[in-house]
Protein backbone atom coordinates (compact mmCIF):
# COMPACT_ATOMS: atom_id res chain seq x y z
CA MET A 1 120.77 97.63 59.43
CA LEU A 2 119.78 95.39 62.32
CA ARG A 3 116.08 95.52 62.96
CA PRO A 4 114.31 93.35 65.52
CA LYS A 5 111.50 91.16 64.31
CA LEU A 6 108.37 92.01 66.23
CA PRO A 7 105.67 89.39 66.73
CA GLN A 8 102.37 89.92 64.97
CA ALA A 9 99.64 91.30 67.21
CA PRO A 10 96.63 89.02 67.54
CA ALA A 11 93.44 90.21 65.89
CA LEU A 12 91.08 91.76 68.42
CA PRO A 13 87.37 91.10 68.21
CA SER A 14 85.39 94.06 66.95
CA PRO A 15 83.19 95.78 69.56
CA PHE A 16 80.73 96.64 66.80
CA ALA A 17 78.09 94.22 65.67
CA THR A 18 78.71 92.83 62.22
CA PRO A 19 75.99 93.81 59.79
CA VAL A 20 73.65 91.06 58.73
CA GLN A 21 73.72 90.49 55.00
CA HIS A 22 70.56 89.21 53.38
CA SER A 23 70.72 87.16 50.24
CA HIS A 24 68.19 88.44 47.75
CA ALA A 25 67.66 87.21 44.28
CA PRO A 26 69.21 89.65 41.78
CA VAL A 27 66.73 91.90 40.04
CA CYS A 28 68.72 92.06 36.85
CA SER A 29 71.03 89.58 35.21
CA CYS A 30 74.01 91.96 35.00
CA GLN A 31 77.03 91.54 37.30
CA HIS A 32 77.41 94.36 39.85
CA PRO A 33 80.63 94.56 41.85
CA ALA A 34 80.17 94.14 45.56
CA ALA A 35 80.35 97.37 47.50
CA PRO A 36 83.57 97.50 49.55
CA ALA A 37 83.12 97.49 53.29
CA PRO A 38 84.15 100.78 54.91
CA ALA A 39 87.50 100.52 56.65
CA ARG A 40 87.25 101.19 60.36
CA ARG A 41 90.22 102.41 62.29
CA VAL A 42 90.84 100.79 65.61
CA ALA A 43 91.36 103.63 68.07
CA PRO A 44 93.10 102.89 71.37
CA SER A 45 90.90 103.07 74.43
CA ILE A 46 92.27 105.85 76.65
CA GLY A 47 89.20 106.68 78.74
CA LEU A 48 90.12 104.75 81.88
CA GLY A 49 93.87 104.83 81.31
CA ALA A 50 94.16 108.63 81.24
CA GLY A 51 92.25 109.00 84.51
CA ALA A 52 94.38 106.38 86.21
CA VAL A 53 97.60 108.01 85.00
CA ALA A 54 96.41 111.43 86.19
CA ALA A 55 95.58 109.99 89.64
CA VAL A 56 98.97 108.30 89.96
CA VAL A 57 100.80 111.48 88.91
CA THR A 58 98.77 113.56 91.38
CA VAL A 59 99.46 111.17 94.26
CA GLY A 60 103.14 111.12 93.32
CA VAL A 61 103.36 114.92 93.34
CA VAL A 62 101.61 115.15 96.73
CA LEU A 63 103.84 112.49 98.30
CA THR A 64 106.95 114.17 96.91
CA ALA A 65 105.85 117.51 98.34
CA LEU A 66 105.25 115.92 101.76
CA LEU A 67 108.64 114.22 101.70
CA THR A 68 110.32 117.50 100.79
CA ALA A 69 108.52 119.29 103.64
CA VAL A 70 109.66 116.64 106.13
CA ALA A 71 113.25 116.85 104.87
CA VAL A 72 113.30 120.66 105.14
CA SER A 73 111.87 120.45 108.67
CA ALA A 74 114.49 117.89 109.69
CA VAL A 75 117.30 120.07 108.35
CA SER A 76 115.88 123.09 110.20
CA VAL A 77 115.68 121.16 113.48
CA ALA A 78 119.22 119.88 113.02
CA ILE A 79 120.57 123.39 112.41
CA ALA A 80 118.67 124.72 115.44
CA ALA A 81 120.10 121.90 117.59
CA VAL A 82 123.67 122.68 116.49
CA VAL A 83 123.20 126.41 117.20
CA LEU A 84 121.66 125.76 120.62
CA ARG A 85 124.41 123.30 121.52
CA SER A 86 127.10 125.79 120.61
CA LEU A 87 125.36 128.56 122.56
CA LEU A 88 124.99 126.36 125.64
CA ARG A 89 128.61 125.18 125.43
CA ASP A 90 129.86 128.79 125.29
CA HIS A 91 127.58 129.73 128.20
CA ASN A 92 128.90 126.88 130.41
CA ARG A 93 132.56 127.84 129.72
CA ARG A 94 132.15 131.35 131.08
């Protein structure tokens, strides 16, 4: 149906050295087909990226746990304050 047109990705330079081809005179006069170059797959580099993602996730989990602990403590202090206030109010009325 409707498909977006994606731009073509630019060709990345190969990290491998290109093999040097020497031009030798042919030994025989017959025509040999040139050997096809082996196709190399370009694998994404995930070495540094995975470590960085793991560190960010770990820091996020720790900060979330600390925020939860502070929120639970605040709720506990608020409940204790309401209970103490009601106890002191009842004590002053007697």
